[in-house]
Amino acid sequence: MSPAPRKRAPKSTDKPEQVEGETPDAEQGAAKPKPKRARKPRAKAAAPEPVAESAPPAEPEPEPAPKTTPAAEPDEEPAKTQGDKAAEEELAPPGDEQPAPAAAKPRRARRAKADETPAEPAPEPKRPARDPDSGPPTPPLVRAHAKYVRTSARKARLVCDHIRGKSVQEARAILAHANRDVARDWTKLLESAVANAEHNHELVGDELRIHAVKADEGPTLKRFRPRAMGRATPIRKRTSHLSITLTPKDGD
């Protein structure tokens, strides 16, 4: 006998026939399959720790003393939350941003300086007292100078050689009877030296003598004189520096 025929389901007019093995087109609004989520790797079970051998019980450590915390002052501001900080940053203008304060460096421990007392200044050396047995004191020397005298040093030496080593009275007499003009300059210089001795050293002028006398050359003034046939002759006008040194008669 032949098997009974199968009944076919009625075809619907709304949906088109779908062939086995075919997928609906994306244009017809078919839903795409969602991607699968990646599974997280499971954490491996930790290996059991080896059991340590029993050790003798350790002595109990002394409990530290409880630290006393200072009480908060009532005027302190409450702690700001993250929302308050974000709001302040938004309100603050961009130009007023302040750089974060740098971390303070640890200060080095200062070495204890030894008590340094300022050294006392050394006393000034005093002038040693004169020994009475050393001899008589040195006689004072009185000087007088005359510079840029309008005479040559050679002419001045011809006069000063006569009064060297003489007393003041004898020198005055020699200069008064000298025939040279430079004798006037020597006389004025001698009187200046006597005045210095009487005023500065409280000496008597008539008790002095001439210890040293000299005449040094000074600068020369150069002049010219016209001569015959349009020539010019140089003229040298000499100058000199005179000096006299007086001392008491008793001392040398």
C-alpha atoms as a PDB file:
ATOM      1  CA  MET A   1       0.000   0.000   0.000  1.00  0.00           C
ATOM      2  CA  SER A   2       1.258   3.536  -0.630  1.00  0.00           C
ATOM      3  CA  PRO A   3       1.704   5.958   2.273  1.00  0.00           C
ATOM      4  CA  ALA A   4      -0.881   8.601   2.905  1.00  0.00           C
ATOM      5  CA  PRO A   5      -0.108  11.935   1.346  1.00  0.00           C
ATOM      6  CA  ARG A   6       0.962  14.819   3.650  1.00  0.00           C
ATOM      7  CA  LYS A   7      -1.214  17.830   4.018  1.00  0.00           C
ATOM      8  CA  ARG A   8       0.360  21.095   2.970  1.00  0.00           C
ATOM      9  CA  ALA A   9      -0.147  24.208   5.072  1.00  0.00           C
ATOM     10  CA  PRO A  10      -2.005  26.969   3.375  1.00  0.00           C
ATOM     11  CA  LYS A  11       0.209  29.688   1.945  1.00  0.00           C
ATOM     12  CA  SER A  12      -0.201  33.109   3.563  1.00  0.00           C
ATOM     13  CA  THR A  13      -0.652  35.998   1.254  1.00  0.00           C
ATOM     14  CA  ASP A  14       1.051  38.539   3.610  1.00  0.00           C
ATOM     15  CA  LYS A  15       4.586  37.078   3.718  1.00  0.00           C
ATOM     16  CA  PRO A  16       6.514  35.860   0.740  1.00  0.00           C
ATOM     17  CA  GLU A  17       7.685  32.344   0.617  1.00  0.00           C
ATOM     18  CA  GLN A  18      11.107  31.761   2.120  1.00  0.00           C
ATOM     19  CA  VAL A  19      13.348  29.144   0.715  1.00  0.00           C
ATOM     20  CA  GLU A  20      15.226  27.014   3.153  1.00  0.00           C
ATOM     21  CA  GLY A  21      18.837  28.114   3.606  1.00  0.00           C
ATOM     22  CA  GLU A  22      18.167  31.746   2.540  1.00  0.00           C
ATOM     23  CA  THR A  23      18.375  34.744   4.934  1.00  0.00           C
ATOM     24  CA  PRO A  24      16.066  37.732   4.699  1.00  0.00           C
ATOM     25  CA  ASP A  25      17.487  40.871   3.157  1.00  0.00           C
ATOM     26  CA  ALA A  26      18.492  43.828   5.338  1.00  0.00           C
ATOM     27  CA  GLU A  27      16.163  46.058   3.354  1.00  0.00           C
ATOM     28  CA  GLN A  28      13.122  44.154   4.649  1.00  0.00           C
ATOM     29  CA  GLY A  29      13.896  45.281   8.296  1.00  0.00           C
ATOM     30  CA  ALA A  30      15.277  42.005   9.619  1.00  0.00           C
ATOM     31  CA  ALA A  31      17.095  42.415  12.974  1.00  0.00           C
ATOM     32  CA  LYS A  32      20.848  41.774  12.974  1.00  0.00           C
ATOM     33  CA  PRO A  33      22.257  39.422  15.601  1.00  0.00           C
ATOM     34  CA  LYS A  34      23.958  41.169  18.597  1.00  0.00           C
ATOM     35  CA  PRO A  35      27.743  40.599  19.101  1.00  0.00           C
ATOM     36  CA  LYS A  36      28.656  38.338  21.975  1.00  0.00           C
ATOM     37  CA  ARG A  37      30.318  39.868  25.035  1.00  0.00           C
ATOM     38  CA  ALA A  38      33.863  38.839  25.838  1.00  0.00           C
ATOM     39  CA  ARG A  39      34.012  36.673  28.885  1.00  0.00           C
ATOM     40  CA  LYS A  40      36.203  37.801  31.758  1.00  0.00           C
ATOM     41  CA  PRO A  41      38.955  35.399  32.748  1.00  0.00           C
ATOM     42  CA  ARG A  42      38.245  33.760  36.017  1.00  0.00           C
ATOM     43  CA  ALA A  43      40.681  34.416  38.831  1.00  0.00           C
ATOM     44  CA  LYS A  44      42.689  31.380  39.691  1.00  0.00           C
ATOM     45  CA  ALA A  45      42.298  30.076  43.162  1.00  0.00           C
ATOM     46  CA  ALA A  46      45.200  31.089  45.360  1.00  0.00           C
ATOM     47  CA  ALA A  47      47.461  28.302  46.403  1.00  0.00           C
ATOM     48  CA  PRO A  48      47.147  27.435  50.063  1.00  0.00           C
ATOM     49  CA  GLU A  49      49.905  29.005  52.146  1.00  0.00           C
ATOM     50  CA  PRO A  50      52.167  26.579  53.949  1.00  0.00           C
ATOM     51  CA  VAL A  51      51.449  26.313  57.599  1.00  0.00           C
ATOM     52  CA  ALA A  52      54.326  27.724  59.649  1.00  0.00           C
ATOM     53  CA  GLU A  53      55.766  25.670  62.420  1.00  0.00           C
ATOM     54  CA  SER A  54      54.509  26.538  65.846  1.00  0.00           C
ATOM     55  CA  ALA A  55      56.802  29.123  67.445  1.00  0.00           C
ATOM     56  CA  PRO A  56      57.026  29.991  71.100  1.00  0.00           C
ATOM     57  CA  PRO A  57      54.656  32.800  72.054  1.00  0.00           C
ATOM     58  CA  ALA A  58      56.311  36.199  71.882  1.00  0.00           C
ATOM     59  CA  GLU A  59      56.258  38.528  74.828  1.00  0.00           C
ATOM     60  CA  PRO A  60      53.479  41.112  74.589  1.00  0.00           C
ATOM     61  CA  GLU A  61      54.753  44.551  73.594  1.00  0.00           C
ATOM     62  CA  PRO A  62      53.820  47.491  75.817  1.00  0.00           C
ATOM     63  CA  GLU A  63      50.939  49.453  74.436  1.00  0.00           C
ATOM     64  CA  PRO A  64      51.907  52.994  73.323  1.00  0.00           C
ATOM     65  CA  ALA A  65      50.404  55.868  75.227  1.00  0.00           C
ATOM     66  CA  PRO A  66      47.375  57.337  73.500  1.00  0.00           C
ATOM     67  CA  LYS A  67      48.164  60.515  71.638  1.00  0.00           C
ATOM     68  CA  THR A  68      46.086  63.486  72.544  1.00  0.00           C
ATOM     69  CA  THR A  69      44.875  65.373  69.518  1.00  0.00           C
ATOM     70  CA  PRO A  70      44.234  69.065  69.922  1.00  0.00           C
ATOM     71  CA  ALA A  71      40.624  69.998  69.900  1.00  0.00           C
ATOM     72  CA  ALA A  72      39.442  71.619  66.715  1.00  0.00           C
ATOM     73  CA  GLU A  73      38.921  75.329  67.009  1.00  0.00           C
ATOM     74  CA  PRO A  74      35.345  76.488  66.540  1.00  0.00           C
ATOM     75  CA  ASP A  75      36.394  79.149  64.047  1.00  0.00           C
ATOM     76  CA  GLU A  76      37.927  76.669  61.583  1.00  0.00           C
ATOM     77  CA  GLU A  77      36.270  76.513  58.174  1.00  0.00           C
ATOM     78  CA  PRO A  78      34.504  73.235  57.217  1.00  0.00           C
ATOM     79  CA  ALA A  79      36.309  70.943  54.789  1.00  0.00           C
ATOM     80  CA  LYS A  80      35.496  71.670  51.152  1.00  0.00           C
ATOM     81  CA  THR A  81      34.087  68.932  48.975  1.00  0.00           C
ATOM     82  CA  GLN A  82      35.053  68.191  45.393  1.00  0.00           C
ATOM     83  CA  GLY A  83      31.927  69.904  44.114  1.00  0.00           C
ATOM     84  CA  ASP A  84      32.770  73.128  45.989  1.00  0.00           C
ATOM     85  CA  LYS A  85      36.323  73.102  44.596  1.00  0.00           C
ATOM     86  CA  ALA A  86      35.084  72.578  41.027  1.00  0.00           C
ATOM     87  CA  ALA A  87      32.608  75.463  41.399  1.00  0.00           C
ATOM     88  CA  GLU A  88      35.365  77.793  42.653  1.00  0.00           C
ATOM     89  CA  GLU A  89      37.619  76.873  39.717  1.00  0.00           C
ATOM     90  CA  GLU A  90      34.832  77.653  37.232  1.00  0.00           C
ATOM     91  CA  LEU A  91      34.094  81.021  38.851  1.00  0.00           C
ATOM     92  CA  ALA A  92      37.762  82.074  39.130  1.00  0.00           C
ATOM     93  CA  PRO A  93      39.033  84.102  36.102  1.00  0.00           C
ATOM     94  CA  PRO A  94      41.740  82.457  33.980  1.00  0.00           C
ATOM     95  CA  GLY A  95      44.340  85.197  34.712  1.00  0.00           C
ATOM     96  CA  ASP A  96      44.187  84.817  38.502  1.00  0.00           C
ATOM     97  CA  GLU A  97      45.386  81.256  38.564  1.00  0.00           C
ATOM     98  CA  GLN A  98      48.084  80.894  41.180  1.00  0.00           C
ATOM     99  CA  PRO A  99      50.840  78.293  40.820  1.00  0.00           C
ATOM    100  CA  ALA A 100      50.829  75.478  43.269  1.00  0.00           C
ATOM    101  CA  PRO A 101      53.183  76.162  46.192  1.00  0.00           C
ATOM    102  CA  ALA A 102      56.482  74.321  45.858  1.00  0.00           C
ATOM    103  CA  ALA A 103      57.314  71.737  48.424  1.00  0.00           C
ATOM    104  CA  ALA A 104      59.313  73.258  51.261  1.00  0.00           C
ATOM    105  CA  LYS A 105      62.893  72.025  51.343  1.00  0.00           C
ATOM    106  CA  PRO A 106      64.124  70.629  54.619  1.00  0.00           C
ATOM    107  CA  ARG A 107      66.322  73.084  56.435  1.00  0.00           C
ATOM    108  CA  ARG A 108      69.854  72.134  57.231  1.00  0.00           C
ATOM    109  CA  ALA A 109      70.794  71.938  60.846  1.00  0.00           C
ATOM    110  CA  ARG A 110      72.985  74.889  61.720  1.00  0.00           C
ATOM    111  CA  ARG A 111      76.205  74.161  63.445  1.00  0.00           C
ATOM    112  CA  ALA A 112      76.545  75.614  66.894  1.00  0.00           C
ATOM    113  CA  LYS A 113      79.101  78.374  66.623  1.00  0.00           C
ATOM    114  CA  ALA A 114      81.623  78.644  69.394  1.00  0.00           C
ATOM    115  CA  ASP A 115      81.500  81.755  71.498  1.00  0.00           C
ATOM    116  CA  GLU A 116      84.008  83.875  69.650  1.00  0.00           C
ATOM    117  CA  THR A 117      85.100  86.869  71.661  1.00  0.00           C
ATOM    118  CA  PRO A 118      86.647  89.711  69.622  1.00  0.00           C
ATOM    119  CA  ALA A 119      90.349  89.939  70.170  1.00  0.00           C
ATOM    120  CA  GLU A 120      91.432  93.047  71.987  1.00  0.00           C
ATOM    121  CA  PRO A 121      93.506  95.429  69.864  1.00  0.00           C
ATOM    122  CA  ALA A 122      97.178  95.335  70.596  1.00  0.00           C
ATOM    123  CA  PRO A 123      98.294  98.317  72.695  1.00  0.00           C
ATOM    124  CA  GLU A 124     100.292 100.898  70.854  1.00  0.00           C
ATOM    125  CA  PRO A 125     103.981 100.791  71.667  1.00  0.00           C
ATOM    126  CA  LYS A 126     104.912 103.587  73.991  1.00  0.00           C
ATOM    127  CA  ARG A 127     107.967 105.683  73.454  1.00  0.00           C
ATOM    128  CA  PRO A 128     110.731 104.285  75.625  1.00  0.00           C
ATOM    129  CA  ALA A 129     111.829 106.536  78.449  1.00  0.00           C
ATOM    130  CA  ARG A 130     115.193 108.145  77.965  1.00  0.00           C
ATOM    131  CA  ASP A 131     117.949 106.665  80.024  1.00  0.00           C
ATOM    132  CA  PRO A 132     119.646 109.424  82.059  1.00  0.00           C
ATOM    133  CA  ASP A 133     122.973 107.580  81.844  1.00  0.00           C
ATOM    134  CA  SER A 134     122.868 107.330  78.037  1.00  0.00           C
ATOM    135  CA  GLY A 135     124.226 110.873  77.597  1.00  0.00           C
ATOM    136  CA  PRO A 136     122.929 114.360  76.882  1.00  0.00           C
ATOM    137  CA  PRO A 137     119.860 114.733  74.603  1.00  0.00           C
ATOM    138  CA  THR A 138     120.425 115.465  70.942  1.00  0.00           C
ATOM    139  CA  PRO A 139     120.124 119.176  70.168  1.00  0.00           C
ATOM    140  CA  PRO A 140     117.150 120.267  68.052  1.00  0.00           C
ATOM    141  CA  LEU A 141     117.676 121.280  64.439  1.00  0.00           C
ATOM    142  CA  VAL A 142     115.795 124.286  63.056  1.00  0.00           C
ATOM    143  CA  ARG A 143     115.410 124.573  59.277  1.00  0.00           C
ATOM    144  CA  ALA A 144     114.310 127.262  56.828  1.00  0.00           C
ATOM    145  CA  HIS A 145     113.928 127.038  53.026  1.00  0.00           C
ATOM    146  CA  ALA A 146     113.665 129.569  50.183  1.00  0.00           C
ATOM    147  CA  LYS A 147     112.627 128.241  46.744  1.00  0.00           C
ATOM    148  CA  TYR A 148     112.809 129.699  43.226  1.00  0.00           C
ATOM    149  CA  VAL A 149     115.300 132.415  44.136  1.00  0.00           C
ATOM    150  CA  ARG A 150     116.233 134.365  40.995  1.00  0.00           C
ATOM    151  CA  THR A 151     119.925 133.641  41.089  1.00  0.00           C
ATOM    152  CA  SER A 152     122.149 130.822  39.946  1.00  0.00           C
ATOM    153  CA  ALA A 153     123.175 128.093  42.376  1.00  0.00           C
ATOM    154  CA  ARG A 154     126.894 128.795  41.636  1.00  0.00           C
ATOM    155  CA  LYS A 155     126.649 132.430  42.759  1.00  0.00           C
ATOM    156  CA  ALA A 156     124.675 131.442  45.871  1.00  0.00           C
ATOM    157  CA  ARG A 157     127.324 128.881  46.859  1.00  0.00           C
ATOM    158  CA  LEU A 158     130.082 131.488  46.691  1.00  0.00           C
ATOM    159  CA  VAL A 159     128.372 133.346  49.554  1.00  0.00           C
ATOM    160  CA  CYS A 160     127.107 130.444  51.671  1.00  0.00           C
ATOM    161  CA  ASP A 161     130.608 128.957  51.903  1.00  0.00           C
ATOM    162  CA  HIS A 162     131.644 131.978  54.054  1.00  0.00           C
ATOM    163  CA  ILE A 163     128.936 131.539  56.701  1.00  0.00           C
ATOM    164  CA  ARG A 164     128.940 127.728  57.103  1.00  0.00           C
ATOM    165  CA  GLY A 165     129.704 126.793  60.744  1.00  0.00           C
ATOM    166  CA  LYS A 166     129.608 130.428  61.950  1.00  0.00           C
ATOM    167  CA  SER A 167     127.429 131.772  64.761  1.00  0.00           C
ATOM    168  CA  VAL A 168     124.363 133.810  63.955  1.00  0.00           C
ATOM    169  CA  GLN A 169     126.036 137.082  64.910  1.00  0.00           C
ATOM    170  CA  GLU A 170     129.100 136.394  62.756  1.00  0.00           C
ATOM    171  CA  ALA A 171     126.931 135.317  59.780  1.00  0.00           C
ATOM    172  CA  ARG A 172     124.937 138.544  59.964  1.00  0.00           C
ATOM    173  CA  ALA A 173     128.145 140.582  59.852  1.00  0.00           C
ATOM    174  CA  ILE A 174     129.547 138.626  56.878  1.00  0.00           C
ATOM    175  CA  LEU A 175     126.359 138.912  54.830  1.00  0.00           C
ATOM    176  CA  ALA A 176     126.053 142.618  55.594  1.00  0.00           C
ATOM    177  CA  HIS A 177     129.490 143.338  54.074  1.00  0.00           C
ATOM    178  CA  ALA A 178     129.224 140.886  51.098  1.00  0.00           C
ATOM    179  CA  ASN A 179     129.474 142.476  47.584  1.00  0.00           C
ATOM    180  CA  ARG A 180     126.960 140.089  45.895  1.00  0.00           C
ATOM    181  CA  ASP A 181     123.213 140.619  45.521  1.00  0.00           C
ATOM    182  CA  VAL A 182     122.418 137.057  46.639  1.00  0.00           C
ATOM    183  CA  ALA A 183     123.661 138.041  50.131  1.00  0.00           C
ATOM    184  CA  ARG A 184     120.292 139.796  50.683  1.00  0.00           C
ATOM    185  CA  ASP A 185     118.443 136.530  50.055  1.00  0.00           C
ATOM    186  CA  TRP A 186     120.747 134.714  52.479  1.00  0.00           C
ATOM    187  CA  THR A 187     120.168 137.385  55.137  1.00  0.00           C
ATOM    188  CA  LYS A 188     116.386 137.087  54.854  1.00  0.00           C
ATOM    189  CA  LEU A 189     116.609 133.287  55.037  1.00  0.00           C
ATOM    190  CA  LEU A 190     118.860 133.473  58.139  1.00  0.00           C
ATOM    191  CA  GLU A 191     116.397 135.730  59.966  1.00  0.00           C
ATOM    192  CA  SER A 192     113.528 133.342  59.077  1.00  0.00           C
ATOM    193  CA  ALA A 193     115.434 130.405  60.587  1.00  0.00           C
ATOM    194  CA  VAL A 194     116.132 132.368  63.807  1.00  0.00           C
ATOM    195  CA  ALA A 195     112.434 133.258  64.099  1.00  0.00           C
ATOM    196  CA  ASN A 196     111.465 129.582  63.713  1.00  0.00           C
ATOM    197  CA  ALA A 197     113.880 128.611  66.507  1.00  0.00           C
ATOM    198  CA  GLU A 198     112.528 131.227  68.905  1.00  0.00           C
ATOM    199  CA  HIS A 199     108.842 130.616  68.159  1.00  0.00           C
ATOM    200  CA  ASN A 200     108.683 126.815  67.685  1.00  0.00           C
ATOM    201  CA  HIS A 201     111.512 125.562  69.918  1.00  0.00           C
ATOM    202  CA  GLU A 202     111.791 128.387  72.479  1.00  0.00           C
ATOM    203  CA  LEU A 203     115.490 128.932  71.775  1.00  0.00           C
ATOM    204  CA  VAL A 204     117.542 132.140  72.003  1.00  0.00           C
ATOM    205  CA  GLY A 205     118.579 133.443  68.573  1.00  0.00           C
ATOM    206  CA  ASP A 206     122.000 134.767  69.644  1.00  0.00           C
ATOM    207  CA  GLU A 207     122.951 131.343  71.092  1.00  0.00           C
ATOM    208  CA  LEU A 208     122.553 129.516  67.749  1.00  0.00           C
ATOM    209  CA  ARG A 209     125.017 128.638  65.050  1.00  0.00           C
ATOM    210  CA  ILE A 210     124.732 127.552  61.421  1.00  0.00           C
ATOM    211  CA  HIS A 211     124.856 123.759  61.318  1.00  0.00           C
ATOM    212  CA  ALA A 212     124.350 123.304  57.534  1.00  0.00           C
ATOM    213  CA  VAL A 213     123.736 125.531  54.533  1.00  0.00           C
ATOM    214  CA  LYS A 214     123.323 124.609  50.839  1.00  0.00           C
ATOM    215  CA  ALA A 215     122.106 125.929  47.485  1.00  0.00           C
ATOM    216  CA  ASP A 216     120.455 123.594  44.945  1.00  0.00           C
ATOM    217  CA  GLU A 217     119.594 124.251  41.317  1.00  0.00           C
ATOM    218  CA  GLY A 218     116.016 125.095  40.393  1.00  0.00           C
ATOM    219  CA  PRO A 219     114.159 125.320  37.055  1.00  0.00           C
ATOM    220  CA  THR A 220     115.649 127.443  34.279  1.00  0.00           C
ATOM    221  CA  LEU A 221     113.629 130.126  32.467  1.00  0.00           C
ATOM    222  CA  LYS A 222     114.439 130.282  28.723  1.00  0.00           C
ATOM    223  CA  ARG A 223     114.287 133.628  26.911  1.00  0.00           C
ATOM    224  CA  PHE A 224     115.609 134.947  23.541  1.00  0.00           C
ATOM    225  CA  ARG A 225     117.250 138.208  22.565  1.00  0.00           C
ATOM    226  CA  PRO A 226     117.418 139.568  18.985  1.00  0.00           C
ATOM    227  CA  ARG A 227     120.870 139.995  17.517  1.00  0.00           C
ATOM    228  CA  ALA A 228     122.400 141.219  14.233  1.00  0.00           C
ATOM    229  CA  MET A 229     121.349 139.920  10.805  1.00  0.00           C
ATOM    230  CA  GLY A 230     118.007 138.620  12.126  1.00  0.00           C
ATOM    231  CA  ARG A 231     119.485 136.136  14.545  1.00  0.00           C
ATOM    232  CA  ALA A 232     118.116 135.219  17.984  1.00  0.00           C
ATOM    233  CA  THR A 233     120.318 134.443  20.998  1.00  0.00           C
ATOM    234  CA  PRO A 234     118.941 132.271  23.835  1.00  0.00           C
ATOM    235  CA  ILE A 235     119.084 133.571  27.401  1.00  0.00           C
ATOM    236  CA  ARG A 236     118.911 131.182  30.373  1.00  0.00           C
ATOM    237  CA  LYS A 237     117.608 132.689  33.570  1.00  0.00           C
ATOM    238  CA  ARG A 238     118.657 130.366  36.402  1.00  0.00           C
ATOM    239  CA  THR A 239     116.856 129.792  39.719  1.00  0.00           C
ATOM    240  CA  SER A 240     117.993 128.076  42.929  1.00  0.00           C
ATOM    241  CA  HIS A 241     116.625 126.618  46.195  1.00  0.00           C
ATOM    242  CA  LEU A 242     118.340 127.819  49.399  1.00  0.00           C
ATOM    243  CA  SER A 243     118.234 126.153  52.820  1.00  0.00           C
ATOM    244  CA  ILE A 244     119.770 126.825  56.263  1.00  0.00           C
ATOM    245  CA  THR A 245     119.874 124.604  59.373  1.00  0.00           C
ATOM    246  CA  LEU A 246     120.523 126.079  62.846  1.00  0.00           C
ATOM    247  CA  THR A 247     121.460 124.377  66.098  1.00  0.00           C
ATOM    248  CA  PRO A 248     122.440 125.522  69.624  1.00  0.00           C
ATOM    249  CA  LYS A 249     126.128 126.312  70.159  1.00  0.00           C
ATOM    250  CA  ASP A 250     126.595 123.859  73.029  1.00  0.00           C
ATOM    251  CA  GLY A 251     125.515 120.761  71.001  1.00  0.00           C
ATOM    252  CA  ASP A 252     127.041 119.500  67.792  1.00  0.00           C
END
